[in-house]
Amino acid sequence: MSSFLHAPMVYTVPSSASSQSVRRPKTLKLSCRAFGVKNAAKIPMPPINPKDPFLSKLASVASSSPETLLNRSVNSDKLPYLDLFDSPKLMATPAQVERSVSYNEHRPRSPPPDLPSLLLNGRIVYIGMPLVPAVTELVVAELMYLQWMDPKQPIYLYINSTGTTRDDGETVGMETEGFAIYDALMQLQNEIHTVAVGAAIGQACLLLSAGTKGNRFMMPHAKAMIQQPRVPSSGLMPASDVLIRAKEVIVNRDTLVELLAKHTGNSVETVANVMKRPFYMDANRAKEFGVIDKILWRGQEKVMAEVASPEEWDKNAGIKVMDGF
């Protein structure tokens, strides 16, 4: 039995008493067959992410030939709808789906709760402060969350930190703050891409070198520096307590030397010798020392490779360097 739609129609009945016409409603029955079978079976299109190949392909098939999806044979050997593709690689990863749902086609009209949350959605963990307990707590929690979201996607660790000290060298955090983040990085299944965007000093330099080999980067004008841990302010402590703290600092120094030697490929003696005093490194020196693998020149690698050294410039210009200068 075919269904009918009741649509009101308006018609005019002339009146003999006056020239005015009276408008009365009338019900007209229309069959759904008048609209065509194809329109009746058309599936409504939900809002989708246009960049998601799986959803885009599925929506295209649903709009063009819905019978392909409605009349499907049950086959336990194949996952549903995957046979619509030439290659299953077109399916988006869970992280891409989550990212698209959160901030792309369903972008909230109000600003995000805070900037770290927006960076976290892009799998970016940004360390922009000295390593104090509050920073360590947030960074470790973000690393654990990103691994839970997708253990196969890389995590990007951006570093601009003076480590456990301030710019003037005053201690603001214990060395265990840096070791806590380092241990969390070593426990992750994801690849860790580290990027120095300003300064990576002390424990922050250790985190920079602890990234996955081949994915440790540095901005052209960033600085890295390794130094010995400092004794926290002793205040009015007894002499015995000061000695205990000094011994603990030595233990932390030896641990830092061993870890830096492990990730930079240098010997323990080499790292210990350069750490006797603050050892500053620009991007090129950090690459030579093994802290990083690449410098982010933004497509200028070829240009920088062709730049002549200062000695070649002097030679080409005809400048003779006098001995002793």
Protein backbone atom coordinates (compact mmCIF):
# COMPACT_ATOMS: atom_id res chain seq x y z
CA MET A 1 0.00 0.00 0.00
CA SER A 2 1.46 3.29 -1.03
CA SER A 3 1.63 6.14 1.41
CA PHE A 4 0.16 9.57 0.76
CA LEU A 5 1.10 13.12 1.71
CA HIS A 6 -1.67 15.52 2.65
CA ALA A 7 -0.84 18.96 1.22
CA PRO A 8 -3.24 21.88 1.71
CA MET A 9 -4.29 23.81 -1.44
CA VAL A 10 -6.02 27.16 -1.71
CA TYR A 11 -8.65 27.90 -4.37
CA THR A 12 -11.09 30.77 -4.98
CA VAL A 13 -14.89 30.50 -4.99
CA PRO A 14 -16.71 33.45 -6.61
CA SER A 15 -19.52 35.03 -4.58
CA SER A 16 -22.77 36.21 -6.13
CA ALA A 17 -23.43 38.81 -3.48
CA SER A 18 -20.25 40.72 -4.01
CA SER A 19 -17.16 40.85 -6.16
CA GLN A 20 -15.03 39.59 -3.26
CA SER A 21 -13.75 36.05 -3.44
CA VAL A 22 -13.55 33.63 -0.52
CA ARG A 23 -10.36 31.57 -0.08
CA ARG A 24 -11.00 28.08 1.33
CA PRO A 25 -8.44 25.37 2.05
CA LYS A 26 -8.64 22.05 0.27
CA THR A 27 -6.69 18.89 0.95
CA LEU A 28 -4.84 17.27 -1.93
CA LYS A 29 -3.53 13.70 -1.71
CA LEU A 30 -0.19 13.06 -3.41
CA SER A 31 1.48 9.73 -3.77
CA CYS A 32 5.19 9.34 -2.95
CA ARG A 33 5.59 7.71 -6.36
CA ALA A 34 5.16 11.14 -7.92
CA PHE A 35 8.54 12.18 -6.47
CA GLY A 36 10.36 9.16 -7.89
CA VAL A 37 11.73 6.09 -6.17
CA LYS A 38 15.29 7.40 -6.19
CA ASN A 39 14.39 10.50 -4.20
CA ALA A 40 12.35 8.47 -1.75
CA ALA A 41 15.30 6.18 -0.98
CA LYS A 42 17.90 8.96 -0.81
CA ILE A 43 19.86 8.90 2.43
CA PRO A 44 20.30 12.27 4.18
CA MET A 45 23.90 13.49 4.29
CA PRO A 46 25.27 14.13 7.79
CA PRO A 47 28.01 16.75 8.30
CA ILE A 48 31.39 15.10 7.73
CA ASN A 49 35.01 16.05 7.68
CA PRO A 50 35.85 16.78 4.00
CA LYS A 51 39.49 15.85 4.59
CA ASP A 52 38.70 12.37 5.88
CA PRO A 53 38.99 10.00 2.87
CA PHE A 54 37.03 7.19 4.47
CA LEU A 55 34.00 9.30 5.40
CA SER A 56 34.13 11.22 2.11
CA LYS A 57 34.14 8.02 0.05
CA LEU A 58 31.38 6.49 2.13
CA ALA A 59 29.22 9.61 1.82
CA SER A 60 29.80 9.75 -1.94
CA VAL A 61 28.62 6.17 -2.36
CA ALA A 62 25.61 6.80 -0.11
CA SER A 63 24.49 9.81 -2.13
CA SER A 64 25.10 8.37 -5.61
CA SER A 65 24.01 4.75 -5.18
CA PRO A 66 22.46 4.06 -1.75
CA GLU A 67 21.43 0.56 -2.79
CA THR A 68 25.12 -0.37 -2.60
CA LEU A 69 25.01 0.15 1.15
CA LEU A 70 21.43 -0.99 1.77
CA ASN A 71 21.61 -4.29 -0.10
CA ARG A 72 24.88 -5.75 1.15
CA SER A 73 25.69 -9.42 1.56
CA VAL A 74 26.92 -10.55 4.93
CA ASN A 75 30.50 -11.74 4.66
CA SER A 76 32.42 -12.43 7.86
CA ASP A 77 35.76 -12.39 6.03
CA LYS A 78 35.58 -8.69 5.21
CA LEU A 79 35.19 -5.70 7.46
CA PRO A 80 32.14 -3.56 6.71
CA TYR A 81 32.53 -1.03 3.88
CA LEU A 82 36.27 -1.59 3.45
CA ASP A 83 35.68 -3.26 0.09
CA LEU A 84 34.63 0.13 -1.29
CA PHE A 85 38.27 1.13 -1.47
CA ASP A 86 41.11 0.11 -3.72
CA SER A 87 43.44 0.28 -0.71
CA PRO A 88 42.55 0.27 3.01
CA LYS A 89 45.34 2.83 3.63
CA LEU A 90 42.81 5.57 2.90
CA MET A 91 41.20 5.07 6.30
CA ALA A 92 42.04 7.83 8.74
CA THR A 93 43.81 7.08 12.00
CA PRO A 94 41.96 7.50 15.31
CA ALA A 95 44.07 10.57 16.07
CA GLN A 96 43.08 12.20 12.76
CA VAL A 97 39.41 11.43 13.36
CA GLU A 98 39.58 12.83 16.88
CA ARG A 99 41.48 15.90 15.71
CA SER A 100 39.03 16.54 12.89
CA VAL A 101 35.98 16.10 15.10
CA SER A 102 37.36 18.40 17.78
CA TYR A 103 38.74 21.34 15.86
CA ASN A 104 37.97 21.08 12.13
CA GLU A 105 34.45 20.70 10.85
CA HIS A 106 33.01 21.04 14.38
CA ARG A 107 35.30 23.90 15.36
CA PRO A 108 33.86 25.54 18.48
CA ARG A 109 32.73 29.11 18.13
CA SER A 110 34.27 29.99 21.47
CA PRO A 111 38.08 29.96 21.95
CA PRO A 112 39.69 26.77 23.28
CA PRO A 113 40.07 26.56 27.07
CA ASP A 114 43.78 27.36 26.85
CA LEU A 115 46.64 27.30 24.36
CA PRO A 116 48.32 24.14 25.76
CA SER A 117 45.07 22.26 25.09
CA LEU A 118 45.10 23.40 21.46
CA LEU A 119 48.75 22.36 21.08
CA LEU A 120 47.98 19.05 22.75
CA ASN A 121 45.32 18.40 20.13
CA GLY A 122 48.12 18.66 17.54
CA ARG A 123 50.22 16.18 19.59
CA ILE A 124 52.60 18.97 20.64
CA VAL A 125 53.98 19.18 24.17
CA TYR A 126 55.56 22.57 24.80
CA ILE A 127 58.04 23.14 27.63
CA GLY A 128 58.45 26.90 27.90
CA MET A 129 59.38 27.28 31.57
CA PRO A 130 62.01 26.02 33.99
CA LEU A 131 61.41 22.48 35.18
CA VAL A 132 59.48 23.04 38.38
CA PRO A 133 57.04 20.49 39.87
CA ALA A 134 53.97 22.05 38.20
CA VAL A 135 55.60 21.87 34.76
CA THR A 136 56.76 18.29 35.29
CA GLU A 137 53.29 17.20 36.37
CA LEU A 138 51.66 18.72 33.28
CA VAL A 139 54.26 17.39 30.81
CA VAL A 140 54.17 13.82 32.14
CA ALA A 141 50.36 13.84 32.10
CA GLU A 142 50.30 15.09 28.50
CA LEU A 143 52.77 12.44 27.39
CA MET A 144 50.70 9.69 28.98
CA TYR A 145 47.52 11.05 27.41
CA LEU A 146 49.01 11.24 23.91
CA GLN A 147 50.23 7.66 24.11
CA TRP A 148 46.76 6.56 25.23
CA MET A 149 45.19 8.45 22.32
CA ASP A 150 47.39 6.80 19.69
CA PRO A 151 50.55 4.81 20.51
CA LYS A 152 51.66 4.83 16.86
CA GLN A 153 51.62 8.55 16.08
CA PRO A 154 54.72 10.62 16.96
CA ILE A 155 54.79 13.11 19.82
CA TYR A 156 56.41 16.50 19.25
CA LEU A 157 58.29 17.96 22.21
CA TYR A 158 59.10 21.65 21.80
CA ILE A 159 61.69 22.89 24.29
CA ASN A 160 62.50 26.42 25.40
CA SER A 161 63.61 25.93 28.97
CA THR A 162 66.51 26.74 31.25
CA GLY A 163 66.19 23.38 32.99
CA THR A 164 66.12 23.33 36.77
CA THR A 165 67.73 26.78 37.03
CA ARG A 166 66.77 30.31 36.09
CA ASP A 167 68.58 32.58 33.67
CA ASP A 168 70.84 33.87 36.44
CA GLY A 169 71.75 30.33 37.53
CA GLU A 170 69.62 30.19 40.67
CA THR A 171 68.17 26.74 41.35
CA VAL A 172 64.37 26.63 41.07
CA GLY A 173 63.76 22.87 40.90
CA MET A 174 65.30 19.58 41.86
CA GLU A 175 67.18 17.52 39.30
CA THR A 176 64.55 14.82 39.69
CA GLU A 177 62.10 17.02 37.77
CA GLY A 178 64.12 16.55 34.59
CA PHE A 179 64.72 12.87 35.31
CA ALA A 180 60.96 12.35 35.75
CA ILE A 181 60.20 13.70 32.26
CA TYR A 182 63.13 11.73 30.83
CA ASP A 183 61.87 8.46 32.35
CA ALA A 184 58.39 9.17 30.98
CA LEU A 185 59.85 9.66 27.49
CA MET A 186 61.75 6.39 27.71
CA GLN A 187 58.57 4.49 28.63
CA LEU A 188 56.55 5.72 25.65
CA GLN A 189 55.92 3.53 22.62
CA ASN A 190 55.64 6.58 20.33
CA GLU A 191 58.41 8.24 18.41
CA ILE A 192 59.55 11.42 20.14
CA HIS A 193 60.43 14.38 17.91
CA THR A 194 62.29 16.98 19.96
CA VAL A 195 62.74 20.56 18.79
CA ALA A 196 64.77 23.29 20.54
CA VAL A 197 63.05 26.60 19.78
CA GLY A 198 64.99 28.86 22.12
CA ALA A 199 67.17 27.53 24.89
CA ALA A 200 67.81 24.00 26.08
CA ILE A 201 69.96 24.25 29.19
CA GLY A 202 70.98 21.55 31.64
CA GLN A 203 68.19 19.02 32.05
CA ALA A 204 66.35 20.54 29.09
CA CYS A 205 69.36 19.70 26.91
CA LEU A 206 69.10 16.11 28.11
CA LEU A 207 65.44 16.01 27.03
CA LEU A 208 66.43 17.44 23.65
CA SER A 209 69.01 14.70 23.09
CA ALA A 210 66.63 11.98 24.33
CA GLY A 211 64.40 12.16 21.27
CA THR A 212 64.23 9.44 18.65
CA LYS A 213 67.43 9.28 16.62
CA GLY A 214 67.01 11.13 13.37
CA ASN A 215 64.17 13.26 14.77
CA ARG A 216 66.04 15.66 17.05
CA PHE A 217 65.91 19.19 15.68
CA MET A 218 67.08 22.66 16.56
CA MET A 219 66.19 26.10 15.27
CA PRO A 220 69.07 27.95 13.58
CA HIS A 221 69.50 30.49 16.38
CA ALA A 222 68.60 28.32 19.36
CA LYS A 223 71.15 27.58 22.07
CA ALA A 224 71.96 24.45 24.01
CA MET A 225 74.10 24.26 27.12
CA ILE A 226 75.13 21.53 29.51
CA GLN A 227 76.44 22.24 32.98
CA GLN A 228 76.89 20.59 36.33
CA PRO A 229 73.93 20.51 38.71
CA ARG A 230 74.00 23.15 41.41
CA VAL A 231 73.66 22.74 45.16
CA PRO A 232 70.33 24.17 46.35
CA SER A 233 70.39 26.96 48.87
CA SER A 234 71.52 25.49 52.18
CA GLY A 235 70.15 28.31 54.34
CA LEU A 236 70.60 27.55 58.01
CA MET A 237 71.21 23.83 57.54
CA PRO A 238 73.73 22.04 59.73
CA ALA A 239 77.05 21.17 58.16
CA SER A 240 76.14 17.47 58.05
CA ASP A 241 73.00 18.21 56.02
CA VAL A 242 74.94 20.39 53.60
CA LEU A 243 77.38 17.52 53.05
CA ILE A 244 74.50 15.13 52.35
CA ARG A 245 73.07 17.50 49.77
CA ALA A 246 76.47 17.94 48.14
CA LYS A 247 76.83 14.18 47.78
CA GLU A 248 73.39 13.96 46.20
CA VAL A 249 74.34 16.65 43.68
CA ILE A 250 77.41 14.64 42.71
CA VAL A 251 75.26 11.56 42.16
CA ASN A 252 72.90 13.57 39.96
CA ARG A 253 75.85 14.95 38.02
CA ASP A 254 77.21 11.47 37.32
CA THR A 255 73.76 10.31 36.19
CA LEU A 256 73.41 13.31 33.89
CA VAL A 257 76.85 12.66 32.38
CA GLU A 258 76.04 9.01 31.70
CA LEU A 259 72.71 9.82 30.04
CA LEU A 260 74.19 12.55 27.87
CA ALA A 261 76.99 10.23 26.81
CA LYS A 262 74.41 7.58 25.91
CA HIS A 263 72.31 9.85 23.68
CA THR A 264 75.08 11.95 22.12
CA GLY A 265 77.40 9.05 21.30
CA ASN A 266 80.33 10.57 23.19
CA SER A 267 82.35 8.91 25.89
CA VAL A 268 81.65 9.57 29.55
CA GLU A 269 85.07 11.22 29.91
CA THR A 270 84.39 13.61 27.03
CA VAL A 271 81.05 14.72 28.46
CA ALA A 272 82.50 15.04 31.97
CA ASN A 273 85.37 17.22 30.70
CA VAL A 274 83.16 19.66 28.79
CA MET A 275 80.75 19.86 31.74
CA LYS A 276 83.41 21.11 34.13
CA ARG A 277 82.37 24.58 33.01
CA PRO A 278 79.17 25.69 31.21
CA PHE A 279 79.40 24.32 27.68
CA TYR A 280 77.38 26.41 25.21
CA MET A 281 76.46 25.08 21.78
CA ASP A 282 74.85 26.73 18.82
CA ALA A 283 72.92 24.65 16.29
CA ASN A 284 75.99 23.57 14.31
CA ARG A 285 78.03 22.73 17.39
CA ALA A 286 75.13 20.83 18.94
CA LYS A 287 74.87 18.76 15.77
CA GLU A 288 78.60 18.00 15.85
CA PHE A 289 78.41 17.04 19.53
CA GLY A 290 75.49 14.67 18.89
CA VAL A 291 72.75 16.51 20.78
CA ILE A 292 70.62 16.93 17.63
CA ASP A 293 70.42 15.40 14.18
CA LYS A 294 69.15 18.22 11.95
CA ILE A 295 68.87 22.01 11.89
CA LEU A 296 65.52 23.41 10.83
CA TRP A 297 66.61 25.83 8.11
CA ARG A 298 63.11 25.90 6.54
CA GLY A 299 64.27 24.71 3.14
CA GLN A 300 67.66 26.45 3.25
CA GLU A 301 69.82 23.37 3.72
CA LYS A 302 71.14 23.56 0.16
CA VAL A 303 71.90 27.26 0.48
CA MET A 304 73.75 26.83 3.76
CA ALA A 305 75.72 23.88 2.39
CA GLU A 306 77.04 26.03 -0.44
CA VAL A 307 78.16 28.89 1.83
CA ALA A 308 81.94 29.21 1.92
CA SER A 309 83.85 29.10 5.18
CA PRO A 310 85.49 32.28 6.57
CA GLU A 311 88.91 31.03 5.48
CA GLU A 312 87.69 30.54 1.90
CA TRP A 313 86.17 34.01 1.89
CA ASP A 314 89.50 35.53 2.95
CA LYS A 315 91.39 33.51 0.36
CA ASN A 316 89.03 34.44 -2.45
CA ALA A 317 89.20 38.10 -1.43
CA GLY A 318 93.00 38.09 -1.43
CA ILE A 319 93.29 38.76 2.31
CA LYS A 320 96.39 37.31 3.93
CA VAL A 321 96.11 36.35 7.56
CA MET A 322 99.20 37.32 9.49
CA ASP A 323 100.65 34.88 12.00
CA GLY A 324 99.81 35.65 15.58
CA PHE A 325 96.44 37.23 14.83
